[in-house]
Amino acid sequence: MALRHFLTLRDLSSAELERIIHRAQELKKLQHQNQTYQPFVGKVLGMIFEKSSTRTRVSFEAGMSQFGGSAIFLSSRDTQLGRGEPIEDSARVISSMLDIVMIRTFGHDIVERFASYSQVPVINALTDDHHPCQLLADIQTFVEHRGSIQGKTVAWIGDGNNMCNSYIEAAHMWGFKLKIASPAGYEPQEKFLTEYAHCAELVSSAEDAAVNADLIVTDVWASMGQEEEQKIREKAFANYQVNEQLMQLAHSDCLFMHCLPAHRGEEISEHMLEHKSAVVWDEAENRLHAQKALIEFLLQEQHQPL
């Protein structure tokens, strides 16, 4: 069997990513038509959370249930990866009892080490460096509203965080141009900017990023674990709010996305989530459908003959 993991977007080919986006739309249609599709009866998804999340837990758990399987939720209190029992040992034991595992944690090395010793597919549901599942939902949302994202211009405005890193990889995998506007000291890691210089560039202001954009994306100024930096970040990011005035610099049919939760009055204006360009609610729902397509892909790949 061909064991595949999804730790970053580059674990799949561009063609495989396109296949997942297409399949996600099909699964969404089935679900909206109340059609039952349960290919994974008896299969169990293990959900390991060292970082809490509303959308991630609900989407993965609901998705596995809709597939006819079940999901086990393990919080940091239940597992304590790397505390006491080595990650490698935890991976051997946990994966021997489950069919697929998703992990939402801090260091990206944790999911890499777990996957190295896992007998089943491992999905990165967020680390400090990457958030590839969110990108599947974002691309699905763009495709549903505007068609192919290839050749388009995307503006990332805000922190050069895990979401920004995954957008940089997405620009390479889907063939779009990414303009990044981050305050000094909060830019994405240089290794990402250097490796993907052919498709991603750092610009000097939010306005520069927004000009002629087909999609504008942002995230909170202080992510989980950075709360003590809130006041410092509020000052640094003051000129990086996505608002109605900024949207006017983009193409007239430009979309706006945010992975949520959003802080109104900070990274977005008070009514930005209700803006005519905003597709954040579709984007949030598509976590369910994109991840179902991903789970289906990984489980089917695992049972393909070598």
Protein backbone atom coordinates (compact mmCIF):
# COMPACT_ATOMS: atom_id res chain seq x y z
CA MET A 1 0.00 0.00 0.00
CA ALA A 2 1.11 3.57 -0.67
CA LEU A 3 1.14 5.46 2.61
CA ARG A 4 0.70 9.20 2.02
CA HIS A 5 0.70 12.07 4.51
CA PHE A 6 -0.48 15.68 4.19
CA LEU A 7 1.88 17.81 6.26
CA THR A 8 2.30 20.62 3.73
CA LEU A 9 0.72 21.34 0.36
CA ARG A 10 3.84 20.04 -1.36
CA ASP A 11 3.18 16.51 -0.13
CA LEU A 12 0.74 16.32 -3.03
CA SER A 13 1.25 17.19 -6.67
CA SER A 14 -0.57 20.10 -8.30
CA ALA A 15 -2.72 17.57 -10.18
CA GLU A 16 -3.61 15.78 -6.94
CA LEU A 17 -4.51 19.07 -5.26
CA GLU A 18 -6.76 19.94 -8.21
CA ARG A 19 -8.38 16.53 -7.92
CA ILE A 20 -9.12 17.13 -4.25
CA ILE A 21 -10.65 20.56 -4.93
CA HIS A 22 -12.88 19.06 -7.62
CA ARG A 23 -13.88 16.19 -5.36
CA ALA A 24 -14.61 18.60 -2.49
CA GLN A 25 -17.17 20.35 -4.68
CA GLU A 26 -18.80 17.01 -5.51
CA LEU A 27 -18.96 16.02 -1.85
CA LYS A 28 -20.42 19.42 -0.97
CA LYS A 29 -23.17 18.92 -3.55
CA LEU A 30 -24.00 15.48 -2.14
CA GLN A 31 -24.19 16.81 1.38
CA HIS A 32 -26.37 19.77 0.37
CA GLN A 33 -28.72 17.34 -1.38
CA ASN A 34 -28.91 15.25 1.80
CA GLN A 35 -27.50 12.25 -0.02
CA THR A 36 -25.83 9.66 2.19
CA TYR A 37 -22.33 8.65 1.16
CA GLN A 38 -20.57 6.44 3.68
CA PRO A 39 -17.47 4.75 2.20
CA PHE A 40 -15.64 4.50 5.52
CA VAL A 41 -17.98 2.66 7.88
CA GLY A 42 -15.91 1.31 10.75
CA LYS A 43 -12.96 3.59 10.04
CA VAL A 44 -11.68 5.75 12.91
CA LEU A 45 -10.00 9.16 12.73
CA GLY A 46 -7.80 10.18 15.64
CA MET A 47 -7.84 13.96 16.29
CA ILE A 48 -4.89 15.14 18.39
CA PHE A 49 -5.25 18.72 19.59
CA GLU A 50 -2.45 20.55 21.38
CA LYS A 51 -4.01 23.79 20.07
CA SER A 52 -7.75 24.19 20.41
CA SER A 53 -10.02 25.10 17.49
CA THR A 54 -13.73 25.33 16.75
CA ARG A 55 -13.68 24.92 12.95
CA THR A 56 -11.01 22.25 12.85
CA ARG A 57 -12.66 19.97 15.38
CA VAL A 58 -16.20 20.37 14.04
CA SER A 59 -15.19 19.96 10.39
CA PHE A 60 -13.06 16.85 10.88
CA GLU A 61 -15.43 15.19 13.33
CA ALA A 62 -18.54 15.94 11.27
CA GLY A 63 -16.80 14.87 8.08
CA MET A 64 -15.77 11.50 9.45
CA SER A 65 -19.27 10.93 10.82
CA GLN A 66 -20.83 11.77 7.44
CA PHE A 67 -18.47 9.22 5.88
CA GLY A 68 -19.93 6.57 8.19
CA GLY A 69 -16.86 6.42 10.39
CA SER A 70 -16.07 7.90 13.78
CA ALA A 71 -13.56 10.25 15.36
CA ILE A 72 -11.72 10.24 18.68
CA PHE A 73 -10.85 13.63 20.19
CA LEU A 74 -7.59 13.75 22.13
CA SER A 75 -6.68 17.02 23.84
CA SER A 76 -3.24 17.99 25.11
CA ARG A 77 -4.31 16.63 28.51
CA ASP A 78 -5.01 13.24 26.93
CA THR A 79 -1.81 12.82 24.93
CA GLN A 80 0.95 15.27 25.94
CA LEU A 81 2.98 14.50 22.84
CA GLY A 82 6.65 14.47 23.67
CA ARG A 83 6.08 14.83 27.40
CA GLY A 84 6.91 11.56 29.03
CA GLU A 85 6.36 9.25 26.09
CA PRO A 86 8.42 10.11 23.00
CA ILE A 87 6.49 11.22 19.92
CA GLU A 88 7.88 8.26 18.01
CA ASP A 89 6.46 5.79 20.54
CA SER A 90 3.10 7.57 20.65
CA ALA A 91 2.91 7.41 16.86
CA ARG A 92 3.58 3.67 16.79
CA VAL A 93 0.89 2.93 19.37
CA ILE A 94 -1.81 5.40 18.26
CA SER A 95 -1.49 4.58 14.56
CA SER A 96 -1.77 0.85 15.25
CA MET A 97 -5.32 1.41 16.54
CA LEU A 98 -6.60 4.02 14.07
CA ASP A 99 -7.08 4.39 10.32
CA ILE A 100 -6.01 8.03 9.92
CA VAL A 101 -4.71 10.76 12.26
CA MET A 102 -4.90 14.56 12.25
CA ILE A 103 -2.70 16.67 14.50
CA ARG A 104 -3.04 20.33 15.46
CA THR A 105 0.03 21.37 17.39
CA PHE A 106 2.85 23.90 17.74
CA GLY A 107 6.20 22.80 16.27
CA HIS A 108 6.06 21.46 12.72
CA ASP A 109 8.70 18.91 13.68
CA ILE A 110 6.08 17.19 15.87
CA VAL A 111 3.87 16.21 12.92
CA GLU A 112 6.93 15.27 10.86
CA ARG A 113 8.25 12.95 13.58
CA PHE A 114 4.80 11.48 14.20
CA ALA A 115 4.28 10.81 10.50
CA SER A 116 7.69 9.14 10.21
CA TYR A 117 6.62 6.45 12.67
CA SER A 118 2.92 6.25 11.80
CA GLN A 119 1.38 3.24 10.07
CA VAL A 120 -1.53 5.37 8.77
CA PRO A 121 -1.93 8.70 6.96
CA VAL A 122 -1.24 11.82 9.04
CA ILE A 123 -2.86 15.20 8.34
CA ASN A 124 -1.40 18.48 9.54
CA ALA A 125 -4.39 20.40 10.90
CA LEU A 126 -2.11 23.34 11.80
CA THR A 127 1.40 23.89 13.08
CA ASP A 128 3.36 27.06 13.73
CA ASP A 129 4.76 26.84 10.18
CA HIS A 130 1.90 25.57 8.01
CA HIS A 131 -1.90 25.40 7.73
CA PRO A 132 -2.45 23.42 4.50
CA CYS A 133 -6.03 22.29 5.24
CA GLN A 134 -7.17 25.91 5.35
CA LEU A 135 -5.63 26.48 1.93
CA LEU A 136 -7.66 23.62 0.47
CA ALA A 137 -10.82 25.34 1.72
CA ASP A 138 -9.67 28.75 0.48
CA ILE A 139 -8.84 27.51 -3.01
CA GLN A 140 -12.13 25.60 -3.19
CA THR A 141 -13.97 28.79 -2.25
CA PHE A 142 -12.19 30.86 -4.89
CA VAL A 143 -12.85 28.24 -7.57
CA GLU A 144 -16.55 28.11 -6.67
CA HIS A 145 -16.92 31.88 -6.98
CA ARG A 146 -14.42 32.85 -9.68
CA GLY A 147 -13.11 29.73 -11.41
CA SER A 148 -9.43 28.80 -11.66
CA ILE A 149 -7.00 30.75 -9.48
CA GLN A 150 -4.12 30.09 -11.88
CA GLY A 151 -2.62 33.35 -13.11
CA LYS A 152 -4.53 35.45 -10.59
CA THR A 153 -3.08 37.92 -8.08
CA VAL A 154 -3.53 37.27 -4.37
CA ALA A 155 -2.72 39.77 -1.61
CA TRP A 156 -1.71 38.55 1.83
CA ILE A 157 -1.97 41.42 4.32
CA GLY A 158 -0.74 40.99 7.89
CA ASP A 159 1.46 38.62 9.86
CA GLY A 160 3.92 36.44 7.97
CA ASN A 161 2.61 33.43 9.88
CA ASN A 162 1.71 29.80 9.11
CA MET A 163 -1.18 30.88 6.90
CA CYS A 164 1.12 33.16 4.93
CA ASN A 165 3.64 30.33 4.53
CA SER A 166 0.96 28.03 3.17
CA TYR A 167 -0.23 30.75 0.79
CA ILE A 168 3.35 31.05 -0.49
CA GLU A 169 3.39 27.31 -1.19
CA ALA A 170 -0.08 27.53 -2.73
CA ALA A 171 1.12 30.23 -5.15
CA HIS A 172 3.70 27.74 -6.41
CA MET A 173 1.34 24.75 -6.53
CA TRP A 174 -1.59 26.54 -8.21
CA GLY A 175 0.35 29.04 -10.30
CA PHE A 176 -0.82 32.39 -8.96
CA LYS A 177 1.08 35.52 -7.95
CA LEU A 178 1.24 36.36 -4.24
CA LYS A 179 1.94 39.85 -2.92
CA ILE A 180 2.73 39.98 0.79
CA ALA A 181 2.40 43.08 2.97
CA SER A 182 3.70 42.64 6.51
CA PRO A 183 5.05 45.14 9.06
CA ALA A 184 8.82 45.24 9.58
CA GLY A 185 9.82 42.39 11.83
CA TYR A 186 6.72 40.33 11.03
CA GLU A 187 7.55 39.21 7.51
CA PRO A 188 7.46 35.52 6.54
CA GLN A 189 10.64 33.52 7.04
CA GLU A 190 13.36 34.37 4.56
CA LYS A 191 13.69 30.72 3.49
CA PHE A 192 10.12 30.80 2.13
CA LEU A 193 10.60 34.11 0.33
CA THR A 194 13.85 32.93 -1.25
CA GLU A 195 12.62 29.50 -2.37
CA TYR A 196 9.40 30.90 -3.84
CA ALA A 197 10.67 34.19 -5.23
CA HIS A 198 9.28 33.20 -8.62
CA CYS A 199 5.68 33.46 -7.35
CA ALA A 200 5.72 35.44 -4.07
CA GLU A 201 7.04 38.90 -3.33
CA LEU A 202 7.18 41.19 -0.33
CA VAL A 203 5.71 44.66 -0.97
CA SER A 204 6.05 47.81 1.07
CA SER A 205 2.45 48.45 2.14
CA ALA A 206 -1.04 47.01 2.38
CA GLU A 207 -2.07 49.38 -0.40
CA ASP A 208 0.64 48.06 -2.73
CA ALA A 209 -0.55 44.50 -2.10
CA ALA A 210 -4.20 45.33 -2.69
CA VAL A 211 -3.77 47.08 -6.05
CA ASN A 212 -5.28 44.90 -8.81
CA ALA A 213 -5.71 41.92 -6.48
CA ASP A 214 -8.21 39.17 -7.30
CA LEU A 215 -8.23 37.92 -3.71
CA ILE A 216 -7.30 39.63 -0.45
CA VAL A 217 -6.61 37.50 2.60
CA THR A 218 -5.71 38.29 6.20
CA ASP A 219 -5.51 36.72 9.64
CA VAL A 220 -5.49 37.86 13.25
CA TRP A 221 -2.59 40.05 14.35
CA ALA A 222 -1.78 37.87 17.37
CA SER A 223 -2.18 34.12 16.89
CA MET A 224 -2.67 31.53 19.61
CA GLY A 225 0.24 31.69 22.05
CA GLN A 226 1.05 35.32 21.16
CA GLU A 227 -1.57 36.98 23.36
CA GLU A 228 1.06 38.66 25.52
CA GLU A 229 2.25 40.51 22.40
CA GLN A 230 -1.21 41.90 21.63
CA LYS A 231 -0.54 45.57 22.48
CA ILE A 232 2.83 45.60 20.71
CA ARG A 233 1.30 44.00 17.64
CA GLU A 234 -1.64 46.42 17.58
CA LYS A 235 0.83 49.27 17.09
CA ALA A 236 2.95 47.44 14.53
CA PHE A 237 -0.06 46.37 12.44
CA ALA A 238 -2.06 49.61 12.66
CA ASN A 239 -1.62 50.30 8.92
CA TYR A 240 -2.44 46.73 7.88
CA GLN A 241 -6.17 46.58 8.41
CA VAL A 242 -8.32 45.19 5.61
CA ASN A 243 -11.24 47.59 5.21
CA GLU A 244 -13.63 48.96 2.64
CA GLN A 245 -11.15 51.59 1.44
CA LEU A 246 -8.46 49.00 0.82
CA MET A 247 -10.85 46.79 -1.16
CA GLN A 248 -11.46 49.67 -3.57
CA LEU A 249 -7.84 49.38 -4.75
CA ALA A 250 -8.39 45.81 -5.88
CA HIS A 251 -10.24 44.53 -8.94
CA SER A 252 -13.98 45.16 -8.77
CA ASP A 253 -14.68 41.43 -8.43
CA CYS A 254 -11.94 40.83 -5.84
CA LEU A 255 -12.87 38.39 -3.06
CA PHE A 256 -12.01 38.72 0.62
CA MET A 257 -11.17 35.77 2.88
CA HIS A 258 -10.28 35.29 6.54
CA CYS A 259 -9.68 31.90 8.16
CA LEU A 260 -11.47 33.00 11.36
CA PRO A 261 -11.90 33.73 14.19
CA ALA A 262 -11.73 37.41 13.25
CA HIS A 263 -11.18 40.42 15.50
CA ARG A 264 -13.41 43.17 14.19
CA GLY A 265 -11.80 46.58 14.53
CA GLU A 266 -8.30 45.10 14.40
CA GLU A 267 -7.14 43.19 11.29
CA ILE A 268 -10.50 43.94 9.65
CA SER A 269 -12.95 46.81 9.88
CA GLU A 270 -16.16 46.37 11.87
CA HIS A 271 -18.31 45.33 8.90
CA MET A 272 -15.74 43.68 6.64
CA LEU A 273 -17.16 40.18 7.15
CA GLU A 274 -20.44 41.46 5.70
CA HIS A 275 -18.76 43.23 2.76
CA LYS A 276 -20.06 42.31 -0.70
CA SER A 277 -16.64 40.83 -1.52
CA ALA A 278 -16.45 38.67 1.62
CA VAL A 279 -16.85 34.90 1.19
CA VAL A 280 -15.69 33.94 4.68
CA TRP A 281 -18.77 31.87 5.55
CA ASP A 282 -18.42 29.74 2.42
CA GLU A 283 -14.72 29.52 3.19
CA ALA A 284 -15.44 28.27 6.72
CA GLU A 285 -17.97 25.68 5.54
CA ASN A 286 -15.58 24.44 2.88
CA ARG A 287 -13.19 23.22 5.58
CA LEU A 288 -15.68 20.35 5.95
CA HIS A 289 -15.86 19.45 2.28
CA ALA A 290 -12.18 19.97 1.43
CA GLN A 291 -11.06 17.86 4.37
CA LYS A 292 -13.52 15.11 3.50
CA ALA A 293 -12.02 15.02 0.01
CA LEU A 294 -8.54 14.92 1.55
CA ILE A 295 -9.45 12.06 3.93
CA GLU A 296 -10.99 10.11 1.06
CA PHE A 297 -7.89 10.66 -1.08
CA LEU A 298 -5.46 9.56 1.65
CA LEU A 299 -7.44 6.48 2.66
CA GLN A 300 -7.91 5.38 -0.94
CA GLU A 301 -4.24 5.99 -1.73
CA GLN A 302 -3.26 3.85 1.24
CA HIS A 303 -5.09 0.87 -0.23
CA GLN A 304 -3.77 1.25 -3.74
CA PRO A 305 -1.47 -1.62 -4.75
CA LEU A 306 2.17 -0.69 -5.01
